[in-house]
C-alpha atoms as a PDB file:
ATOM      1  CA  MET A   1     -12.533  29.064   1.835  1.00  0.00           C
ATOM      2  CA  SER A   2     -11.102  28.154  -1.569  1.00  0.00           C
ATOM      3  CA  ASN A   3      -8.260  25.694  -1.896  1.00  0.00           C
ATOM      4  CA  ASP A   4      -5.903  26.890  -4.595  1.00  0.00           C
ATOM      5  CA  LEU A   5      -3.692  24.017  -5.753  1.00  0.00           C
ATOM      6  CA  SER A   6      -2.444  25.758  -8.898  1.00  0.00           C
ATOM      7  CA  ALA A   7       1.058  26.047  -7.453  1.00  0.00           C
ATOM      8  CA  PHE A   8       1.414  22.264  -7.812  1.00  0.00           C
ATOM      9  CA  PRO A   9       2.268  21.261 -11.412  1.00  0.00           C
ATOM     10  CA  ILE A  10       0.661  17.835 -10.944  1.00  0.00           C
ATOM     11  CA  THR A  11      -2.771  19.490 -10.996  1.00  0.00           C
ATOM     12  CA  ARG A  12      -2.182  20.585 -14.583  1.00  0.00           C
ATOM     13  CA  LYS A  13      -2.174  16.982 -15.776  1.00  0.00           C
ATOM     14  CA  TRP A  14      -4.777  15.827 -13.251  1.00  0.00           C
ATOM     15  CA  PRO A  15      -7.029  18.834 -12.502  1.00  0.00           C
ATOM     16  CA  ALA A  16      -8.806  18.733  -9.165  1.00  0.00           C
ATOM     17  CA  THR A  17     -12.585  18.679  -9.516  1.00  0.00           C
ATOM     18  CA  HIS A  18     -12.806  18.999  -5.735  1.00  0.00           C
ATOM     19  CA  PRO A  19      -9.743  21.030  -4.686  1.00  0.00           C
ATOM     20  CA  ASP A  20     -10.928  21.053  -1.078  1.00  0.00           C
ATOM     21  CA  ARG A  21     -10.404  17.281  -0.876  1.00  0.00           C
ATOM     22  CA  LEU A  22      -7.239  15.257  -0.541  1.00  0.00           C
ATOM     23  CA  GLN A  23      -5.939  14.298  -3.990  1.00  0.00           C
ATOM     24  CA  LEU A  24      -4.749  10.702  -4.504  1.00  0.00           C
ATOM     25  CA  TYR A  25      -2.603   9.705  -7.482  1.00  0.00           C
ATOM     26  CA  SER A  26      -2.472   5.935  -7.688  1.00  0.00           C
ATOM     27  CA  LEU A  27      -3.185   2.523  -9.191  1.00  0.00           C
ATOM     28  CA  PRO A  28      -4.583  -0.607  -7.466  1.00  0.00           C
ATOM     29  CA  THR A  29      -1.188  -2.232  -6.862  1.00  0.00           C
ATOM     30  CA  PRO A  30      -0.170  -3.579  -3.410  1.00  0.00           C
ATOM     31  CA  ASN A  31       1.459  -0.244  -2.570  1.00  0.00           C
ATOM     32  CA  GLY A  32      -1.236   1.844  -4.220  1.00  0.00           C
ATOM     33  CA  VAL A  33      -4.102   0.228  -2.338  1.00  0.00           C
ATOM     34  CA  LYS A  34      -2.448   0.921   0.994  1.00  0.00           C
ATOM     35  CA  ALA A  35      -3.435   4.559   0.500  1.00  0.00           C
ATOM     36  CA  SER A  36      -6.922   3.919  -0.910  1.00  0.00           C
ATOM     37  CA  ILE A  37      -7.786   1.372   1.782  1.00  0.00           C
ATOM     38  CA  MET A  38      -6.595   3.763   4.497  1.00  0.00           C
ATOM     39  CA  LEU A  39      -8.648   6.592   3.018  1.00  0.00           C
ATOM     40  CA  GLU A  40     -11.713   4.361   2.810  1.00  0.00           C
ATOM     41  CA  GLU A  41     -11.188   3.184   6.398  1.00  0.00           C
ATOM     42  CA  CYS A  42     -10.729   6.738   7.690  1.00  0.00           C
ATOM     43  CA  GLY A  43     -13.713   8.175   5.856  1.00  0.00           C
ATOM     44  CA  LEU A  44     -11.633  11.174   4.779  1.00  0.00           C
ATOM     45  CA  PRO A  45     -13.013  12.889   1.639  1.00  0.00           C
ATOM     46  CA  TYR A  46     -10.656  12.441  -1.291  1.00  0.00           C
ATOM     47  CA  GLU A  47     -10.459  12.570  -5.062  1.00  0.00           C
ATOM     48  CA  VAL A  48      -8.626   9.853  -6.978  1.00  0.00           C
ATOM     49  CA  HIS A  49      -6.581  10.235 -10.156  1.00  0.00           C
ATOM     50  CA  ARG A  50      -5.419   7.213 -12.150  1.00  0.00           C
ATOM     51  CA  VAL A  51      -1.703   7.205 -12.999  1.00  0.00           C
ATOM     52  CA  ASP A  52      -1.576   5.196 -16.212  1.00  0.00           C
ATOM     53  CA  PHE A  53       1.669   3.200 -16.366  1.00  0.00           C
ATOM     54  CA  GLY A  54       0.795   2.139 -19.918  1.00  0.00           C
ATOM     55  CA  ALA A  55       1.047   5.795 -20.935  1.00  0.00           C
ATOM     56  CA  ASN A  56       4.143   6.343 -18.733  1.00  0.00           C
ATOM     57  CA  ASP A  57       2.246   8.872 -16.620  1.00  0.00           C
ATOM     58  CA  GLN A  58       4.608   8.106 -13.743  1.00  0.00           C
ATOM     59  CA  THR A  59       7.546   9.609 -15.659  1.00  0.00           C
ATOM     60  CA  SER A  60       5.701  12.745 -16.748  1.00  0.00           C
ATOM     61  CA  PRO A  61       7.126  16.064 -15.508  1.00  0.00           C
ATOM     62  CA  GLU A  62       3.862  16.726 -13.668  1.00  0.00           C
ATOM     63  CA  PHE A  63       4.010  13.481 -11.688  1.00  0.00           C
ATOM     64  CA  LEU A  64       7.740  13.806 -11.048  1.00  0.00           C
ATOM     65  CA  SER A  65       7.101  17.266  -9.621  1.00  0.00           C
ATOM     66  CA  LEU A  66       5.300  15.540  -6.742  1.00  0.00           C
ATOM     67  CA  ASN A  67       7.253  12.285  -6.588  1.00  0.00           C
ATOM     68  CA  PRO A  68      10.764  12.396  -8.085  1.00  0.00           C
ATOM     69  CA  ASN A  69      10.962   8.634  -7.497  1.00  0.00           C
ATOM     70  CA  ASN A  70       8.175   8.082 -10.093  1.00  0.00           C
ATOM     71  CA  LYS A  71       6.258   5.562  -7.957  1.00  0.00           C
ATOM     72  CA  ILE A  72       2.660   5.440  -6.814  1.00  0.00           C
ATOM     73  CA  PRO A  73       0.891   6.274  -4.587  1.00  0.00           C
ATOM     74  CA  ALA A  74       1.308   9.972  -3.961  1.00  0.00           C
ATOM     75  CA  ILE A  75      -1.042  12.459  -2.325  1.00  0.00           C
ATOM     76  CA  LEU A  76      -1.661  16.181  -2.256  1.00  0.00           C
ATOM     77  CA  ASP A  77      -3.588  17.304   0.816  1.00  0.00           C
ATOM     78  CA  PRO A  78      -4.943  20.862   0.540  1.00  0.00           C
ATOM     79  CA  ASN A  79      -5.499  20.831   4.306  1.00  0.00           C
ATOM     80  CA  GLY A  80      -2.092  19.780   5.522  1.00  0.00           C
ATOM     81  CA  PRO A  81      -0.192  20.750   8.686  1.00  0.00           C
ATOM     82  CA  ASP A  82      -0.815  24.337   9.807  1.00  0.00           C
ATOM     83  CA  GLY A  83      -3.533  24.596   7.150  1.00  0.00           C
ATOM     84  CA  GLN A  84      -1.006  24.514   4.312  1.00  0.00           C
ATOM     85  CA  PRO A  85      -1.096  22.085   1.348  1.00  0.00           C
ATOM     86  CA  LEU A  86       1.118  19.032   1.745  1.00  0.00           C
ATOM     87  CA  ALA A  87       2.471  16.884  -1.099  1.00  0.00           C
ATOM     88  CA  LEU A  88       3.659  13.455   0.013  1.00  0.00           C
ATOM     89  CA  PHE A  89       4.956  10.246  -1.565  1.00  0.00           C
ATOM     90  CA  GLU A  90       5.984   6.794  -0.222  1.00  0.00           C
ATOM     91  CA  SER A  91       3.079   4.604   0.860  1.00  0.00           C
ATOM     92  CA  GLY A  92       4.419   4.051   4.374  1.00  0.00           C
ATOM     93  CA  ALA A  93       4.793   7.785   4.985  1.00  0.00           C
ATOM     94  CA  ILE A  94       1.274   8.329   3.620  1.00  0.00           C
ATOM     95  CA  LEU A  95      -0.142   5.730   6.045  1.00  0.00           C
ATOM     96  CA  VAL A  96       1.538   7.387   9.030  1.00  0.00           C
ATOM     97  CA  TYR A  97       0.406  10.830   7.891  1.00  0.00           C
ATOM     98  CA  LEU A  98      -3.217   9.783   7.448  1.00  0.00           C
ATOM     99  CA  ALA A  99      -3.204   7.936  10.776  1.00  0.00           C
ATOM    100  CA  ASP A 100      -1.882  11.037  12.547  1.00  0.00           C
ATOM    101  CA  LYS A 101      -4.232  13.370  10.658  1.00  0.00           C
ATOM    102  CA  THR A 102      -7.351  11.388  11.531  1.00  0.00           C
ATOM    103  CA  GLY A 103      -6.287   9.893  14.854  1.00  0.00           C
ATOM    104  CA  GLN A 104      -7.188   6.436  13.563  1.00  0.00           C
ATOM    105  CA  PHE A 105      -5.485   3.055  13.100  1.00  0.00           C
ATOM    106  CA  ILE A 106      -2.348   3.836  15.080  1.00  0.00           C
ATOM    107  CA  PRO A 107      -2.039   3.403  18.848  1.00  0.00           C
ATOM    108  CA  LYS A 108      -2.192   6.597  20.863  1.00  0.00           C
ATOM    109  CA  ASP A 109       0.391   5.488  23.431  1.00  0.00           C
ATOM    110  CA  ALA A 110       4.040   5.877  22.488  1.00  0.00           C
ATOM    111  CA  ALA A 111       5.014   2.221  22.887  1.00  0.00           C
ATOM    112  CA  GLY A 112       2.064   1.050  20.810  1.00  0.00           C
ATOM    113  CA  ARG A 113       2.874   3.600  18.139  1.00  0.00           C
ATOM    114  CA  TYR A 114       6.425   2.314  17.816  1.00  0.00           C
ATOM    115  CA  HIS A 115       5.196  -1.274  17.610  1.00  0.00           C
ATOM    116  CA  ALA A 116       2.950  -0.240  14.713  1.00  0.00           C
ATOM    117  CA  LEU A 117       5.866   1.494  13.020  1.00  0.00           C
ATOM    118  CA  GLN A 118       8.164  -1.507  13.416  1.00  0.00           C
ATOM    119  CA  TRP A 119       5.685  -3.759  11.590  1.00  0.00           C
ATOM    120  CA  LEU A 120       5.162  -1.092   8.953  1.00  0.00           C
ATOM    121  CA  MET A 121       8.937  -1.088   8.417  1.00  0.00           C
ATOM    122  CA  PHE A 122       8.888  -4.904   8.333  1.00  0.00           C
ATOM    123  CA  GLN A 123       6.573  -4.669   5.331  1.00  0.00           C
ATOM    124  CA  MET A 124       8.456  -1.864   3.611  1.00  0.00           C
ATOM    125  CA  GLY A 125      11.920  -3.326   4.084  1.00  0.00           C
ATOM    126  CA  GLY A 126      11.118  -7.033   3.813  1.00  0.00           C
ATOM    127  CA  ILE A 127       7.737  -8.200   2.580  1.00  0.00           C
ATOM    128  CA  GLY A 128       7.307  -5.640  -0.200  1.00  0.00           C
ATOM    129  CA  PRO A 129      10.744  -5.969  -1.830  1.00  0.00           C
ATOM    130  CA  MET A 130      10.997  -9.748  -1.387  1.00  0.00           C
ATOM    131  CA  PHE A 131       7.477 -10.581  -2.561  1.00  0.00           C
ATOM    132  CA  GLY A 132       7.915  -8.176  -5.470  1.00  0.00           C
ATOM    133  CA  GLN A 133      11.113  -9.860  -6.610  1.00  0.00           C
ATOM    134  CA  LEU A 134       9.489 -13.266  -6.277  1.00  0.00           C
ATOM    135  CA  GLY A 135       6.680 -12.030  -8.518  1.00  0.00           C
ATOM    136  CA  PHE A 136       9.191 -10.866 -11.125  1.00  0.00           C
ATOM    137  CA  PHE A 137      11.039 -14.196 -11.219  1.00  0.00           C
ATOM    138  CA  HIS A 138       7.911 -16.362 -10.994  1.00  0.00           C
ATOM    139  CA  LYS A 139       5.318 -14.597 -13.138  1.00  0.00           C
ATOM    140  CA  PHE A 140       6.972 -11.878 -15.200  1.00  0.00           C
ATOM    141  CA  ALA A 141      10.105 -11.606 -17.384  1.00  0.00           C
ATOM    142  CA  GLY A 142      12.336 -13.293 -14.834  1.00  0.00           C
ATOM    143  CA  LYS A 143      10.446 -16.564 -15.194  1.00  0.00           C
ATOM    144  CA  ASP A 144      12.245 -17.143 -18.500  1.00  0.00           C
ATOM    145  CA  TYR A 145      15.673 -17.177 -16.859  1.00  0.00           C
ATOM    146  CA  GLU A 146      17.162 -20.653 -17.003  1.00  0.00           C
ATOM    147  CA  ASP A 147      19.063 -20.082 -13.782  1.00  0.00           C
ATOM    148  CA  LYS A 148      16.461 -20.550 -11.016  1.00  0.00           C
ATOM    149  CA  ARG A 149      18.755 -19.520  -8.174  1.00  0.00           C
ATOM    150  CA  PRO A 150      17.468 -15.922  -8.051  1.00  0.00           C
ATOM    151  CA  ARG A 151      13.864 -17.131  -7.910  1.00  0.00           C
ATOM    152  CA  ASP A 152      14.670 -19.696  -5.251  1.00  0.00           C
ATOM    153  CA  ARG A 153      16.438 -17.078  -3.155  1.00  0.00           C
ATOM    154  CA  TYR A 154      13.313 -14.922  -3.070  1.00  0.00           C
ATOM    155  CA  VAL A 155      11.071 -17.930  -2.486  1.00  0.00           C
ATOM    156  CA  ALA A 156      13.137 -18.892   0.544  1.00  0.00           C
ATOM    157  CA  GLU A 157      13.131 -15.367   1.942  1.00  0.00           C
ATOM    158  CA  SER A 158       9.400 -14.965   1.322  1.00  0.00           C
ATOM    159  CA  LYS A 159       8.765 -18.219   3.187  1.00  0.00           C
ATOM    160  CA  ARG A 160      10.910 -16.997   6.064  1.00  0.00           C
ATOM    161  CA  LEU A 161       9.018 -13.706   6.274  1.00  0.00           C
ATOM    162  CA  LEU A 162       5.668 -15.503   6.173  1.00  0.00           C
ATOM    163  CA  GLY A 163       6.915 -17.723   8.984  1.00  0.00           C
ATOM    164  CA  VAL A 164       7.854 -14.710  11.094  1.00  0.00           C
ATOM    165  CA  LEU A 165       4.411 -13.207  10.518  1.00  0.00           C
ATOM    166  CA  ASP A 166       2.590 -16.509  11.103  1.00  0.00           C
ATOM    167  CA  LYS A 167       4.286 -17.095  14.448  1.00  0.00           C
ATOM    168  CA  HIS A 168       3.623 -13.516  15.527  1.00  0.00           C
ATOM    169  CA  LEU A 169      -0.104 -13.765  14.716  1.00  0.00           C
ATOM    170  CA  VAL A 170      -0.771 -16.744  16.997  1.00  0.00           C
ATOM    171  CA  GLY A 171      -3.490 -15.695  19.440  1.00  0.00           C
ATOM    172  CA  LYS A 172      -3.910 -12.267  17.829  1.00  0.00           C
ATOM    173  CA  ASP A 173      -6.769 -10.820  15.803  1.00  0.00           C
ATOM    174  CA  TRP A 174      -4.428  -8.452  13.980  1.00  0.00           C
ATOM    175  CA  VAL A 175      -0.733  -7.640  13.809  1.00  0.00           C
ATOM    176  CA  LEU A 176      -0.884  -5.438  16.911  1.00  0.00           C
ATOM    177  CA  GLY A 177      -3.246  -7.735  18.799  1.00  0.00           C
ATOM    178  CA  SER A 178      -6.920  -6.863  19.104  1.00  0.00           C
ATOM    179  CA  ASP A 179      -6.705  -3.540  17.240  1.00  0.00           C
ATOM    180  CA  TYR A 180      -6.619  -3.203  13.455  1.00  0.00           C
ATOM    181  CA  SER A 181      -3.936  -0.741  12.342  1.00  0.00           C
ATOM    182  CA  ILE A 182      -1.767   0.644   9.571  1.00  0.00           C
ATOM    183  CA  ALA A 183       0.456  -2.421  10.081  1.00  0.00           C
ATOM    184  CA  ASP A 184      -2.323  -4.625   8.692  1.00  0.00           C
ATOM    185  CA  ILE A 185      -3.118  -2.137   5.924  1.00  0.00           C
ATOM    186  CA  ALA A 186       0.545  -2.259   4.862  1.00  0.00           C
ATOM    187  CA  ILE A 187       1.150  -6.007   5.092  1.00  0.00           C
ATOM    188  CA  PHE A 188      -1.937  -7.790   3.847  1.00  0.00           C
ATOM    189  CA  PRO A 189      -2.302  -6.268   0.369  1.00  0.00           C
ATOM    190  CA  TRP A 190       1.134  -7.740  -0.322  1.00  0.00           C
ATOM    191  CA  VAL A 191       0.188 -11.147   1.081  1.00  0.00           C
ATOM    192  CA  ARG A 192      -2.968 -11.122  -1.042  1.00  0.00           C
ATOM    193  CA  ASN A 193      -0.929 -10.197  -4.112  1.00  0.00           C
ATOM    194  CA  LEU A 194       1.610 -12.940  -3.488  1.00  0.00           C
ATOM    195  CA  VAL A 195      -0.935 -15.760  -3.434  1.00  0.00           C
ATOM    196  CA  GLY A 196      -3.317 -14.155  -5.927  1.00  0.00           C
ATOM    197  CA  PHE A 197      -1.891 -12.011  -8.705  1.00  0.00           C
ATOM    198  CA  TYR A 198       1.621 -13.488  -8.452  1.00  0.00           C
ATOM    199  CA  GLU A 199       0.171 -17.040  -8.386  1.00  0.00           C
ATOM    200  CA  ALA A 200       2.781 -18.125  -5.858  1.00  0.00           C
ATOM    201  CA  ARG A 201       0.546 -19.860  -3.283  1.00  0.00           C
ATOM    202  CA  GLU A 202       1.989 -23.325  -3.934  1.00  0.00           C
ATOM    203  CA  LEU A 203       5.502 -22.035  -4.574  1.00  0.00           C
ATOM    204  CA  VAL A 204       5.783 -20.599  -1.036  1.00  0.00           C
ATOM    205  CA  GLY A 205       3.767 -23.400   0.597  1.00  0.00           C
ATOM    206  CA  PHE A 206       1.143 -20.939   1.773  1.00  0.00           C
ATOM    207  CA  GLY A 207      -0.919 -23.752   3.295  1.00  0.00           C
ATOM    208  CA  ASP A 208       1.696 -23.921   6.072  1.00  0.00           C
ATOM    209  CA  PHE A 209       0.828 -20.423   7.276  1.00  0.00           C
ATOM    210  CA  ALA A 210      -2.646 -20.845   8.741  1.00  0.00           C
ATOM    211  CA  GLN A 211      -2.463 -17.736  10.929  1.00  0.00           C
ATOM    212  CA  VAL A 212      -1.547 -15.519   7.968  1.00  0.00           C
ATOM    213  CA  GLN A 213      -4.423 -17.007   5.967  1.00  0.00           C
ATOM    214  CA  ARG A 214      -6.841 -16.410   8.860  1.00  0.00           C
ATOM    215  CA  VAL A 215      -5.956 -12.742   9.198  1.00  0.00           C
ATOM    216  CA  LEU A 216      -5.836 -12.238   5.421  1.00  0.00           C
ATOM    217  CA  ASP A 217      -9.415 -13.557   5.249  1.00  0.00           C
ATOM    218  CA  ALA A 218     -10.490 -11.128   7.958  1.00  0.00           C
ATOM    219  CA  PHE A 219      -8.713  -8.293   6.179  1.00  0.00           C
ATOM    220  CA  VAL A 220     -10.323  -8.769   2.766  1.00  0.00           C
ATOM    221  CA  ALA A 221     -13.734  -9.180   4.439  1.00  0.00           C
ATOM    222  CA  ARG A 222     -13.671  -5.574   5.648  1.00  0.00           C
ATOM    223  CA  PRO A 223     -15.957  -3.410   3.463  1.00  0.00           C
ATOM    224  CA  ALA A 224     -13.440  -0.548   3.281  1.00  0.00           C
ATOM    225  CA  VAL A 225     -10.748  -2.966   2.132  1.00  0.00           C
ATOM    226  CA  ALA A 226     -13.028  -4.395  -0.571  1.00  0.00           C
ATOM    227  CA  ARG A 227     -13.633  -0.864  -1.855  1.00  0.00           C
ATOM    228  CA  GLY A 228     -10.009   0.250  -1.596  1.00  0.00           C
ATOM    229  CA  LEU A 229      -8.685  -2.746  -3.512  1.00  0.00           C
ATOM    230  CA  ASN A 230     -10.413  -1.431  -6.650  1.00  0.00           C
ATOM    231  CA  ILE A 231      -9.404   2.243  -6.426  1.00  0.00           C
ATOM    232  CA  PRO A 232      -8.864   3.776  -8.852  1.00  0.00           C
ATOM    233  CA  PRO A 233     -11.176   1.604 -10.936  1.00  0.00           C
ATOM    234  CA  ALA A 234     -10.105   0.288 -14.312  1.00  0.00           C
ATOM    235  CA  PRO A 235     -11.123   2.612 -17.166  1.00  0.00           C
ATOM    236  CA  ALA A 236     -14.295   1.685 -19.011  1.00  0.00           C
ATOM    237  CA  LYS A 237     -13.688  -0.163 -22.288  1.00  0.00           C
END
């Protein structure tokens, strides 16, 4: 069976070498690696395409044809629901889709599923936006603002969110308890980015959140996570 993806304009800019595999368009950012880590954890065959922000790939007509919001990651699954191709953006939606497609990393009972979704929403609505703003005001252009009130607002909210997570993780291996899930795959790339790339460990007093540190260590120790954090790889120089 041949998988014809020619109807999708994105494949003109990023041709599929393996059109029978799920196509991932991404970068190794906290949101981008949610998709690559999930794909590595699931063992689902996929092909990765680097969306070069330096070249403004994310605003190209081809990329916008798949994601009008010009953000990564995005996927194109040639074997979507009912055997039809499915184009999908938003990292949280991609995690839920891949969990449902593979039957992995989301509880099978209804109550457990909703608990996973609530913590996924906690990341998407709180941790991601707040940590991202903190990064802007601490490490990037915002750091030059003389008025430190915006930065301090995001520091305070980031500390609060870490406190919520830390208290919840007491006595638990993972966010949902003993089972690793899409909740962990959503949350911990952002925690890692906050204390690593954003260099905000001391700013948020990360040493006060021992439970978050414990689970972050367990997360990055997973082989699939280690692989996914570097997908797509940086281009050779």
